[in-house]
PDB file of all heavy atoms in Angstrom:
ATOM      1  N   MET A   1     103.669 115.616  62.660  1.00  0.00           N
ATOM      2  CA  MET A   1     104.806 115.059  62.401  1.00  0.00           C
ATOM      3  C   MET A   1     105.461 114.312  63.690  1.00  0.00           C
ATOM      4  O   MET A   1     105.820 113.148  63.550  1.00  0.00           O
ATOM      5  CB  MET A   1     105.932 115.959  61.751  1.00  0.00           C
ATOM      6  CG  MET A   1     105.688 116.469  60.351  1.00  0.00           C
ATOM      7  SD  MET A   1     105.470 115.071  59.157  1.00  0.00           S
ATOM      8  CE  MET A   1     107.190 114.616  59.233  1.00  0.00           C
ATOM      9  N   ILE A   2     105.495 115.030  64.696  1.00  0.00           N
ATOM     10  CA  ILE A   2     105.926 114.513  65.984  1.00  0.00           C
ATOM     11  C   ILE A   2     105.108 113.299  66.445  1.00  0.00           C
ATOM     12  O   ILE A   2     105.550 112.268  66.805  1.00  0.00           O
ATOM     13  CB  ILE A   2     106.041 115.593  67.095  1.00  0.00           C
ATOM     14  CG1 ILE A   2     107.045 116.664  66.746  1.00  0.00           C
ATOM     15  CG2 ILE A   2     106.376 114.926  68.445  1.00  0.00           C
ATOM     16  CD1 ILE A   2     107.035 117.844  67.697  1.00  0.00           C
ATOM     17  N   HIS A   3     103.706 113.560  66.252  1.00  0.00           N
ATOM     18  CA  HIS A   3     102.688 112.527  66.663  1.00  0.00           C
ATOM     19  C   HIS A   3     102.968 111.225  65.899  1.00  0.00           C
ATOM     20  O   HIS A   3     103.140 110.224  66.458  1.00  0.00           O
ATOM     21  CB  HIS A   3     101.315 113.052  66.355  1.00  0.00           C
ATOM     22  CG  HIS A   3     100.219 112.083  66.687  1.00  0.00           C
ATOM     23  ND1 HIS A   3      99.813 111.708  67.855  1.00  0.00           N
ATOM     24  CD2 HIS A   3      99.513 111.382  65.675  1.00  0.00           C
ATOM     25  CE1 HIS A   3      98.826 110.907  67.780  1.00  0.00           C
ATOM     26  NE2 HIS A   3      98.577 110.586  66.434  1.00  0.00           N
ATOM     27  N   MET A   4     103.097 111.363  64.642  1.00  0.00           N
ATOM     28  CA  MET A   4     103.238 110.036  63.745  1.00  0.00           C
ATOM     29  C   MET A   4     104.631 109.432  64.003  1.00  0.00           C
ATOM     30  O   MET A   4     104.648 108.159  63.967  1.00  0.00           O
ATOM     31  CB  MET A   4     102.979 110.411  62.228  1.00  0.00           C
ATOM     32  CG  MET A   4     101.663 110.860  61.885  1.00  0.00           C
ATOM     33  SD  MET A   4     100.399 109.690  62.317  1.00  0.00           S
ATOM     34  CE  MET A   4     100.903 108.156  61.435  1.00  0.00           C
ATOM     35  N   ILE A   5     105.618 110.169  64.184  1.00  0.00           N
ATOM     36  CA  ILE A   5     106.966 109.588  64.348  1.00  0.00           C
ATOM     37  C   ILE A   5     106.960 108.813  65.763  1.00  0.00           C
ATOM     38  O   ILE A   5     107.414 107.674  65.818  1.00  0.00           O
ATOM     39  CB  ILE A   5     108.048 110.634  64.376  1.00  0.00           C
ATOM     40  CG1 ILE A   5     108.236 111.327  63.004  1.00  0.00           C
ATOM     41  CG2 ILE A   5     109.355 110.145  64.889  1.00  0.00           C
ATOM     42  CD1 ILE A   5     109.190 112.463  62.890  1.00  0.00           C
ATOM     43  N   LEU A   6     106.473 109.453  66.678  1.00  0.00           N
ATOM     44  CA  LEU A   6     106.415 108.882  68.060  1.00  0.00           C
ATOM     45  C   LEU A   6     105.556 107.535  68.119  1.00  0.00           C
ATOM     46  O   LEU A   6     106.048 106.531  68.626  1.00  0.00           O
ATOM     47  CB  LEU A   6     105.922 109.835  69.140  1.00  0.00           C
ATOM     48  CG  LEU A   6     106.944 110.868  69.572  1.00  0.00           C
ATOM     49  CD1 LEU A   6     106.278 111.858  70.586  1.00  0.00           C
ATOM     50  CD2 LEU A   6     108.133 110.233  70.157  1.00  0.00           C
ATOM     51  N   ILE A   7     104.338 107.550  67.651  1.00  0.00           N
ATOM     52  CA  ILE A   7     103.492 106.361  67.742  1.00  0.00           C
ATOM     53  C   ILE A   7     103.978 105.353  66.771  1.00  0.00           C
ATOM     54  O   ILE A   7     103.857 104.165  67.062  1.00  0.00           O
ATOM     55  CB  ILE A   7     102.031 106.768  67.433  1.00  0.00           C
ATOM     56  CG1 ILE A   7     101.703 107.174  66.005  1.00  0.00           C
ATOM     57  CG2 ILE A   7     101.538 107.770  68.382  1.00  0.00           C
ATOM     58  CD1 ILE A   7     100.373 107.299  65.682  1.00  0.00           C
ATOM     59  N   THR A   8     104.621 105.710  65.659  1.00  0.00           N
ATOM     60  CA  THR A   8     105.161 104.727  64.813  1.00  0.00           C
ATOM     61  C   THR A   8     106.363 103.980  65.400  1.00  0.00           C
ATOM     62  O   THR A   8     106.494 102.731  65.367  1.00  0.00           O
ATOM     63  CB  THR A   8     105.636 105.291  63.434  1.00  0.00           C
ATOM     64  OG1 THR A   8     104.469 105.975  62.770  1.00  0.00           O
ATOM     65  CG2 THR A   8     106.129 104.274  62.410  1.00  0.00           C
ATOM     66  N   VAL A   9     107.229 104.752  66.048  1.00  0.00           N
ATOM     67  CA  VAL A   9     108.405 104.105  66.825  1.00  0.00           C
ATOM     68  C   VAL A   9     107.882 103.146  67.904  1.00  0.00           C
ATOM     69  O   VAL A   9     108.365 102.103  68.041  1.00  0.00           O
ATOM     70  CB  VAL A   9     109.296 105.243  67.373  1.00  0.00           C
ATOM     71  CG1 VAL A   9     110.300 104.617  68.335  1.00  0.00           C
ATOM     72  CG2 VAL A   9     109.885 105.922  66.260  1.00  0.00           C
ATOM     73  N   LEU A  10     106.940 103.581  68.644  1.00  0.00           N
ATOM     74  CA  LEU A  10     106.376 102.763  69.719  1.00  0.00           C
ATOM     75  C   LEU A  10     105.612 101.545  69.115  1.00  0.00           C
ATOM     76  O   LEU A  10     105.741 100.472  69.685  1.00  0.00           O
ATOM     77  CB  LEU A  10     105.293 103.510  70.617  1.00  0.00           C
ATOM     78  CG  LEU A  10     105.945 104.678  71.498  1.00  0.00           C
ATOM     79  CD1 LEU A  10     104.918 105.536  72.148  1.00  0.00           C
ATOM     80  CD2 LEU A  10     106.804 103.939  72.611  1.00  0.00           C
ATOM     81  N   TYR A  11     104.914 101.703  68.037  1.00  0.00           N
ATOM     82  CA  TYR A  11     104.261 100.587  67.366  1.00  0.00           C
ATOM     83  C   TYR A  11     105.354  99.573  66.938  1.00  0.00           C
ATOM     84  O   TYR A  11     105.103  98.325  67.205  1.00  0.00           O
ATOM     85  CB  TYR A  11     103.511 101.117  66.210  1.00  0.00           C
ATOM     86  CG  TYR A  11     102.921 100.093  65.304  1.00  0.00           C
ATOM     87  CD1 TYR A  11     101.932  99.140  65.827  1.00  0.00           C
ATOM     88  CD2 TYR A  11     103.341  99.955  63.995  1.00  0.00           C
ATOM     89  CE1 TYR A  11     101.449  98.164  64.971  1.00  0.00           C
ATOM     90  CE2 TYR A  11     102.742  99.033  63.133  1.00  0.00           C
ATOM     91  CZ  TYR A  11     101.850  98.129  63.611  1.00  0.00           C
ATOM     92  OH  TYR A  11     101.265  97.166  62.816  1.00  0.00           O
ATOM     93  N   LEU A  12     106.380 100.033  66.344  1.00  0.00           N
ATOM     94  CA  LEU A  12     107.424  99.037  65.831  1.00  0.00           C
ATOM     95  C   LEU A  12     108.170  98.350  66.994  1.00  0.00           C
ATOM     96  O   LEU A  12     108.415  97.199  66.902  1.00  0.00           O
ATOM     97  CB  LEU A  12     108.471  99.792  65.052  1.00  0.00           C
ATOM     98  CG  LEU A  12     107.943 100.373  63.647  1.00  0.00           C
ATOM     99  CD1 LEU A  12     108.978 101.262  62.928  1.00  0.00           C
ATOM    100  CD2 LEU A  12     107.482  99.252  62.772  1.00  0.00           C
ATOM    101  N   ILE A  13     108.376  99.054  68.139  1.00  0.00           N
ATOM    102  CA  ILE A  13     108.916  98.455  69.282  1.00  0.00           C
ATOM    103  C   ILE A  13     107.979  97.437  69.842  1.00  0.00           C
ATOM    104  O   ILE A  13     108.403  96.279  70.264  1.00  0.00           O
ATOM    105  CB  ILE A  13     109.161  99.570  70.405  1.00  0.00           C
ATOM    106  CG1 ILE A  13     110.286 100.496  69.960  1.00  0.00           C
ATOM    107  CG2 ILE A  13     109.551  98.936  71.680  1.00  0.00           C
ATOM    108  CD1 ILE A  13     110.544 101.734  70.861  1.00  0.00           C
ATOM    109  N   SER A  14     106.750  97.678  69.917  1.00  0.00           N
ATOM    110  CA  SER A  14     105.719  96.666  70.378  1.00  0.00           C
ATOM    111  C   SER A  14     105.679  95.448  69.503  1.00  0.00           C
ATOM    112  O   SER A  14     105.698  94.288  69.987  1.00  0.00           O
ATOM    113  CB  SER A  14     104.316  97.288  70.409  1.00  0.00           C
ATOM    114  OG  SER A  14     104.295  98.427  71.272  1.00  0.00           O
ATOM    115  N   LEU A  15     105.685  95.645  68.253  1.00  0.00           N
ATOM    116  CA  LEU A  15     105.652  94.465  67.318  1.00  0.00           C
ATOM    117  C   LEU A  15     107.083  93.699  67.453  1.00  0.00           C
ATOM    118  O   LEU A  15     107.035  92.428  67.413  1.00  0.00           O
ATOM    119  CB  LEU A  15     105.583  94.998  65.853  1.00  0.00           C
ATOM    120  CG  LEU A  15     104.228  95.428  65.437  1.00  0.00           C
ATOM    121  CD1 LEU A  15     104.190  95.762  63.886  1.00  0.00           C
ATOM    122  CD2 LEU A  15     103.161  94.428  65.732  1.00  0.00           C
ATOM    123  N   THR A  16     108.132  94.322  67.606  1.00  0.00           N
ATOM    124  CA  THR A  16     109.428  93.704  67.839  1.00  0.00           C
ATOM    125  C   THR A  16     109.428  92.885  69.091  1.00  0.00           C
ATOM    126  O   THR A  16     109.826  91.776  69.107  1.00  0.00           O
ATOM    127  CB  THR A  16     110.472  94.747  67.946  1.00  0.00           C
ATOM    128  OG1 THR A  16     110.512  95.422  66.675  1.00  0.00           O
ATOM    129  CG2 THR A  16     111.820  93.915  68.119  1.00  0.00           C
ATOM    130  N   LEU A  17     108.824  93.443  70.158  1.00  0.00           N
ATOM    131  CA  LEU A  17     108.692  92.740  71.463  1.00  0.00           C
ATOM    132  C   LEU A  17     107.830  91.449  71.275  1.00  0.00           C
ATOM    133  O   LEU A  17     108.145  90.414  71.797  1.00  0.00           O
ATOM    134  CB  LEU A  17     108.002  93.573  72.483  1.00  0.00           C
ATOM    135  CG  LEU A  17     109.020  94.654  73.114  1.00  0.00           C
ATOM    136  CD1 LEU A  17     108.285  95.473  74.147  1.00  0.00           C
ATOM    137  CD2 LEU A  17     110.115  93.880  74.070  1.00  0.00           C
ATOM    138  N   ILE A  18     106.732  91.590  70.592  1.00  0.00           N
ATOM    139  CA  ILE A  18     105.830  90.428  70.350  1.00  0.00           C
ATOM    140  C   ILE A  18     106.590  89.315  69.534  1.00  0.00           C
ATOM    141  O   ILE A  18     106.582  88.083  69.909  1.00  0.00           O
ATOM    142  CB  ILE A  18     104.536  90.832  69.590  1.00  0.00           C
ATOM    143  CG1 ILE A  18     103.754  91.788  70.447  1.00  0.00           C
ATOM    144  CG2 ILE A  18     103.735  89.651  69.180  1.00  0.00           C
ATOM    145  CD1 ILE A  18     102.548  92.414  69.772  1.00  0.00           C
ATOM    146  N   ILE A  19     107.388  89.754  68.541  1.00  0.00           N
ATOM    147  CA  ILE A  19     108.017  88.745  67.722  1.00  0.00           C
ATOM    148  C   ILE A  19     109.132  88.110  68.612  1.00  0.00           C
ATOM    149  O   ILE A  19     109.250  86.791  68.552  1.00  0.00           O
ATOM    150  CB  ILE A  19     108.704  89.345  66.555  1.00  0.00           C
ATOM    151  CG1 ILE A  19     107.666  89.841  65.507  1.00  0.00           C
ATOM    152  CG2 ILE A  19     109.702  88.429  65.758  1.00  0.00           C
ATOM    153  CD1 ILE A  19     108.100  90.762  64.545  1.00  0.00           C
ATOM    154  N   VAL A  20     109.847  88.836  69.442  1.00  0.00           N
ATOM    155  CA  VAL A  20     110.994  88.258  70.323  1.00  0.00           C
ATOM    156  C   VAL A  20     110.367  87.351  71.305  1.00  0.00           C
ATOM    157  O   VAL A  20     110.777  86.171  71.515  1.00  0.00           O
ATOM    158  CB  VAL A  20     111.702  89.365  71.005  1.00  0.00           C
ATOM    159  CG1 VAL A  20     112.595  88.781  72.079  1.00  0.00           C
ATOM    160  CG2 VAL A  20     112.587  90.177  70.023  1.00  0.00           C
ATOM    161  N   ILE A  21     109.193  87.681  71.896  1.00  0.00           N
ATOM    162  CA  ILE A  21     108.537  86.849  73.017  1.00  0.00           C
ATOM    163  C   ILE A  21     108.027  85.644  72.370  1.00  0.00           C
ATOM    164  O   ILE A  21     108.091  84.574  72.797  1.00  0.00           O
ATOM    165  CB  ILE A  21     107.407  87.655  73.645  1.00  0.00           C
ATOM    166  CG1 ILE A  21     108.020  88.853  74.509  1.00  0.00           C
ATOM    167  CG2 ILE A  21     106.641  86.772  74.567  1.00  0.00           C
ATOM    168  CD1 ILE A  21     107.011  89.784  75.019  1.00  0.00           C
ATOM    169  N   PHE A  22     107.460  85.751  71.140  1.00  0.00           N
ATOM    170  CA  PHE A  22     106.899  84.631  70.301  1.00  0.00           C
ATOM    171  C   PHE A  22     108.019  83.598  70.052  1.00  0.00           C
ATOM    172  O   PHE A  22     107.862  82.398  70.247  1.00  0.00           O
ATOM    173  CB  PHE A  22     106.250  85.086  69.060  1.00  0.00           C
ATOM    174  CG  PHE A  22     105.744  83.998  68.190  1.00  0.00           C
ATOM    175  CD1 PHE A  22     104.525  83.390  68.409  1.00  0.00           C
ATOM    176  CD2 PHE A  22     106.531  83.601  67.103  1.00  0.00           C
ATOM    177  CE1 PHE A  22     104.132  82.414  67.553  1.00  0.00           C
ATOM    178  CE2 PHE A  22     106.096  82.638  66.297  1.00  0.00           C
ATOM    179  CZ  PHE A  22     104.895  81.913  66.522  1.00  0.00           C
ATOM    180  N   ILE A  23     109.088  84.056  69.536  1.00  0.00           N
ATOM    181  CA  ILE A  23     110.270  83.170  69.143  1.00  0.00           C
ATOM    182  C   ILE A  23     110.786  82.465  70.392  1.00  0.00           C
ATOM    183  O   ILE A  23     111.022  81.279  70.462  1.00  0.00           O
ATOM    184  CB  ILE A  23     111.316  83.978  68.468  1.00  0.00           C
ATOM    185  CG1 ILE A  23     110.845  84.429  67.103  1.00  0.00           C
ATOM    186  CG2 ILE A  23     112.598  83.080  68.374  1.00  0.00           C
ATOM    187  CD1 ILE A  23     111.823  85.368  66.425  1.00  0.00           C
ATOM    188  N   ARG A  24     110.933  83.200  71.550  1.00  0.00           N
ATOM    189  CA  ARG A  24     111.431  82.616  72.738  1.00  0.00           C
ATOM    190  C   ARG A  24     110.472  81.553  73.317  1.00  0.00           C
ATOM    191  O   ARG A  24     110.872  80.529  73.789  1.00  0.00           O
ATOM    192  CB  ARG A  24     111.716  83.694  73.810  1.00  0.00           C
ATOM    193  CG  ARG A  24     112.868  84.657  73.495  1.00  0.00           C
ATOM    194  CD  ARG A  24     113.182  85.579  74.600  1.00  0.00           C
ATOM    195  NE  ARG A  24     113.574  84.802  75.867  1.00  0.00           N
ATOM    196  CZ  ARG A  24     113.885  85.391  77.026  1.00  0.00           C
ATOM    197  NH1 ARG A  24     113.805  86.720  77.091  1.00  0.00           N
ATOM    198  NH2 ARG A  24     114.267  84.706  77.966  1.00  0.00           N
ATOM    199  N   PHE A  25     109.150  81.902  73.239  1.00  0.00           N
ATOM    200  CA  PHE A  25     108.198  80.923  73.738  1.00  0.00           C
ATOM    201  C   PHE A  25     108.173  79.714  72.795  1.00  0.00           C
ATOM    202  O   PHE A  25     108.071  78.564  73.298  1.00  0.00           O
ATOM    203  CB  PHE A  25     106.758  81.567  73.660  1.00  0.00           C
ATOM    204  CG  PHE A  25     105.692  80.732  74.189  1.00  0.00           C
ATOM    205  CD1 PHE A  25     105.582  80.365  75.456  1.00  0.00           C
ATOM    206  CD2 PHE A  25     104.857  80.104  73.183  1.00  0.00           C
ATOM    207  CE1 PHE A  25     104.468  79.501  75.944  1.00  0.00           C
ATOM    208  CE2 PHE A  25     103.769  79.311  73.665  1.00  0.00           C
ATOM    209  CZ  PHE A  25     103.682  78.982  75.000  1.00  0.00           C
ATOM    210  N   LYS A  26     108.245  79.992  71.426  1.00  0.00           N
ATOM    211  CA  LYS A  26     108.267  78.797  70.538  1.00  0.00           C
ATOM    212  C   LYS A  26     109.458  77.820  70.877  1.00  0.00           C
ATOM    213  O   LYS A  26     109.280  76.603  70.754  1.00  0.00           O
ATOM    214  CB  LYS A  26     108.338  79.317  69.100  1.00  0.00           C
ATOM    215  CG  LYS A  26     108.027  78.251  68.060  1.00  0.00           C
ATOM    216  CD  LYS A  26     108.013  78.867  66.677  1.00  0.00           C
ATOM    217  CE  LYS A  26     107.757  77.761  65.611  1.00  0.00           C
ATOM    218  NZ  LYS A  26     107.664  78.391  64.244  1.00  0.00           N
ATOM    219  N   ASN A  27     110.607  78.382  71.055  1.00  0.00           N
ATOM    220  CA  ASN A  27     111.794  77.524  71.482  1.00  0.00           C
ATOM    221  C   ASN A  27     111.643  76.870  72.848  1.00  0.00           C
ATOM    222  O   ASN A  27     111.987  75.722  73.024  1.00  0.00           O
ATOM    223  CB  ASN A  27     113.019  78.383  71.526  1.00  0.00           C
ATOM    224  CG  ASN A  27     113.408  78.962  70.172  1.00  0.00           C
ATOM    225  OD1 ASN A  27     113.120  78.292  69.088  1.00  0.00           O
ATOM    226  ND2 ASN A  27     114.023  80.107  70.106  1.00  0.00           N
ATOM    227  N   LYS A  28     110.893  77.551  73.775  1.00  0.00           N
ATOM    228  CA  LYS A  28     110.728  76.997  75.019  1.00  0.00           C
ATOM    229  C   LYS A  28     109.873  75.696  75.024  1.00  0.00           C
ATOM    230  O   LYS A  28     110.089  74.729  75.756  1.00  0.00           O
ATOM    231  CB  LYS A  28     110.051  78.024  76.007  1.00  0.00           C
ATOM    232  CG  LYS A  28     109.870  77.588  77.433  1.00  0.00           C
ATOM    233  CD  LYS A  28     109.264  78.734  78.233  1.00  0.00           C
ATOM    234  CE  LYS A  28     109.091  78.310  79.665  1.00  0.00           C
ATOM    235  NZ  LYS A  28     108.608  79.437  80.575  1.00  0.00           N
ATOM    236  N   ILE A  29     108.797  75.790  74.178  1.00  0.00           N
ATOM    237  CA  ILE A  29     107.864  74.631  74.204  1.00  0.00           C
ATOM    238  C   ILE A  29     108.247  73.507  73.363  1.00  0.00           C
ATOM    239  O   ILE A  29     107.590  72.523  73.192  1.00  0.00           O
ATOM    240  CB  ILE A  29     106.459  75.054  73.878  1.00  0.00           C
ATOM    241  CG1 ILE A  29     106.361  75.521  72.419  1.00  0.00           C
ATOM    242  CG2 ILE A  29     105.925  76.121  74.772  1.00  0.00           C
ATOM    243  CD1 ILE A  29     104.926  75.774  71.918  1.00  0.00           C
ATOM    244  N   LYS A  30     109.491  73.640  72.747  1.00  0.00           N
ATOM    245  CA  LYS A  30     109.986  72.483  71.878  1.00  0.00           C
ATOM    246  C   LYS A  30     110.239  71.223  72.776  1.00  0.00           C
ATOM    247  O   LYS A  30     110.151  70.169  72.324  1.00  0.00           O
ATOM    248  CB  LYS A  30     111.271  72.950  71.200  1.00  0.00           C
ATOM    249  CG  LYS A  30     111.033  73.764  69.983  1.00  0.00           C
ATOM    250  CD  LYS A  30     112.379  74.126  69.301  1.00  0.00           C
ATOM    251  CE  LYS A  30     112.138  75.006  68.063  1.00  0.00           C
ATOM    252  NZ  LYS A  30     113.417  75.365  67.369  1.00  0.00           N
ATOM    253  N   SER A  31     110.502  71.505  74.034  1.00  0.00           N
ATOM    254  CA  SER A  31     110.774  70.356  74.988  1.00  0.00           C
ATOM    255  C   SER A  31     109.546  69.775  75.574  1.00  0.00           C
ATOM    256  O   SER A  31     109.529  68.703  76.188  1.00  0.00           O
ATOM    257  CB  SER A  31     111.653  70.854  76.155  1.00  0.00           C
ATOM    258  OG  SER A  31     111.001  71.947  76.848  1.00  0.00           O
ATOM    259  N   ILE A  32     108.436  70.416  75.203  1.00  0.00           N
ATOM    260  CA  ILE A  32     107.108  69.898  75.601  1.00  0.00           C
ATOM    261  C   ILE A  32     106.535  68.949  74.594  1.00  0.00           C
ATOM    262  O   ILE A  32     106.424  69.283  73.414  1.00  0.00           O
ATOM    263  CB  ILE A  32     106.107  71.043  75.992  1.00  0.00           C
ATOM    264  CG1 ILE A  32     106.680  71.911  77.116  1.00  0.00           C
ATOM    265  CG2 ILE A  32     104.718  70.516  76.358  1.00  0.00           C
ATOM    266  CD1 ILE A  32     105.777  73.206  77.339  1.00  0.00           C
ATOM    267  N   LYS A  33     106.064  67.842  75.084  1.00  0.00           N
ATOM    268  CA  LYS A  33     105.404  66.843  74.108  1.00  0.00           C
ATOM    269  C   LYS A  33     103.963  67.045  74.146  1.00  0.00           C
ATOM    270  O   LYS A  33     103.269  67.001  75.178  1.00  0.00           O
ATOM    271  CB  LYS A  33     105.756  65.437  74.621  1.00  0.00           C
ATOM    272  CG  LYS A  33     105.228  64.384  73.673  1.00  0.00           C
ATOM    273  CD  LYS A  33     105.667  63.067  74.060  1.00  0.00           C
ATOM    274  CE  LYS A  33     105.132  61.981  73.052  1.00  0.00           C
ATOM    275  NZ  LYS A  33     105.498  60.553  73.522  1.00  0.00           N
ATOM    276  N   PHE A  34     103.328  67.250  72.963  1.00  0.00           N
ATOM    277  CA  PHE A  34     101.934  67.336  72.791  1.00  0.00           C
ATOM    278  C   PHE A  34     101.352  66.039  72.365  1.00  0.00           C
ATOM    279  O   PHE A  34     101.842  65.421  71.357  1.00  0.00           O
ATOM    280  CB  PHE A  34     101.617  68.502  71.782  1.00  0.00           C
ATOM    281  CG  PHE A  34     101.950  69.821  72.333  1.00  0.00           C
ATOM    282  CD1 PHE A  34     103.144  70.323  72.161  1.00  0.00           C
ATOM    283  CD2 PHE A  34     100.916  70.524  72.932  1.00  0.00           C
ATOM    284  CE1 PHE A  34     103.506  71.648  72.682  1.00  0.00           C
ATOM    285  CE2 PHE A  34     101.242  71.872  73.408  1.00  0.00           C
ATOM    286  CZ  PHE A  34     102.470  72.382  73.304  1.00  0.00           C
ATOM    287  N   HIS A  35     100.370  65.580  72.984  1.00  0.00           N
ATOM    288  CA  HIS A  35      99.917  64.151  72.873  1.00  0.00           C
ATOM    289  C   HIS A  35      98.648  64.105  71.967  1.00  0.00           C
ATOM    290  O   HIS A  35      97.794  65.042  71.952  1.00  0.00           O
ATOM    291  CB  HIS A  35      99.508  63.532  74.170  1.00  0.00           C
ATOM    292  CG  HIS A  35     100.743  63.417  75.079  1.00  0.00           C
ATOM    293  ND1 HIS A  35     101.535  62.336  75.158  1.00  0.00           N
ATOM    294  CD2 HIS A  35     101.328  64.330  75.886  1.00  0.00           C
ATOM    295  CE1 HIS A  35     102.572  62.535  75.960  1.00  0.00           C
ATOM    296  NE2 HIS A  35     102.385  63.727  76.539  1.00  0.00           N
ATOM    297  N   SER A  36      98.489  63.075  71.165  1.00  0.00           N
ATOM    298  CA  SER A  36      97.361  62.869  70.329  1.00  0.00           C
ATOM    299  C   SER A  36      96.165  62.258  71.018  1.00  0.00           C
ATOM    300  O   SER A  36      96.344  61.856  72.244  1.00  0.00           O
ATOM    301  CB  SER A  36      97.840  61.908  69.128  1.00  0.00           C
ATOM    302  OG  SER A  36      98.085  60.664  69.580  1.00  0.00           O
TER     303      SER A  36
END
């Protein structure tokens, strides 16, 4: 029970971090022009 609770909490924290970093990066590159 302790094992599953701890790794699940850490897993959700990791996914949340990835989502936050992804959103911040996506907003950051809006100012970058991608050329054809």
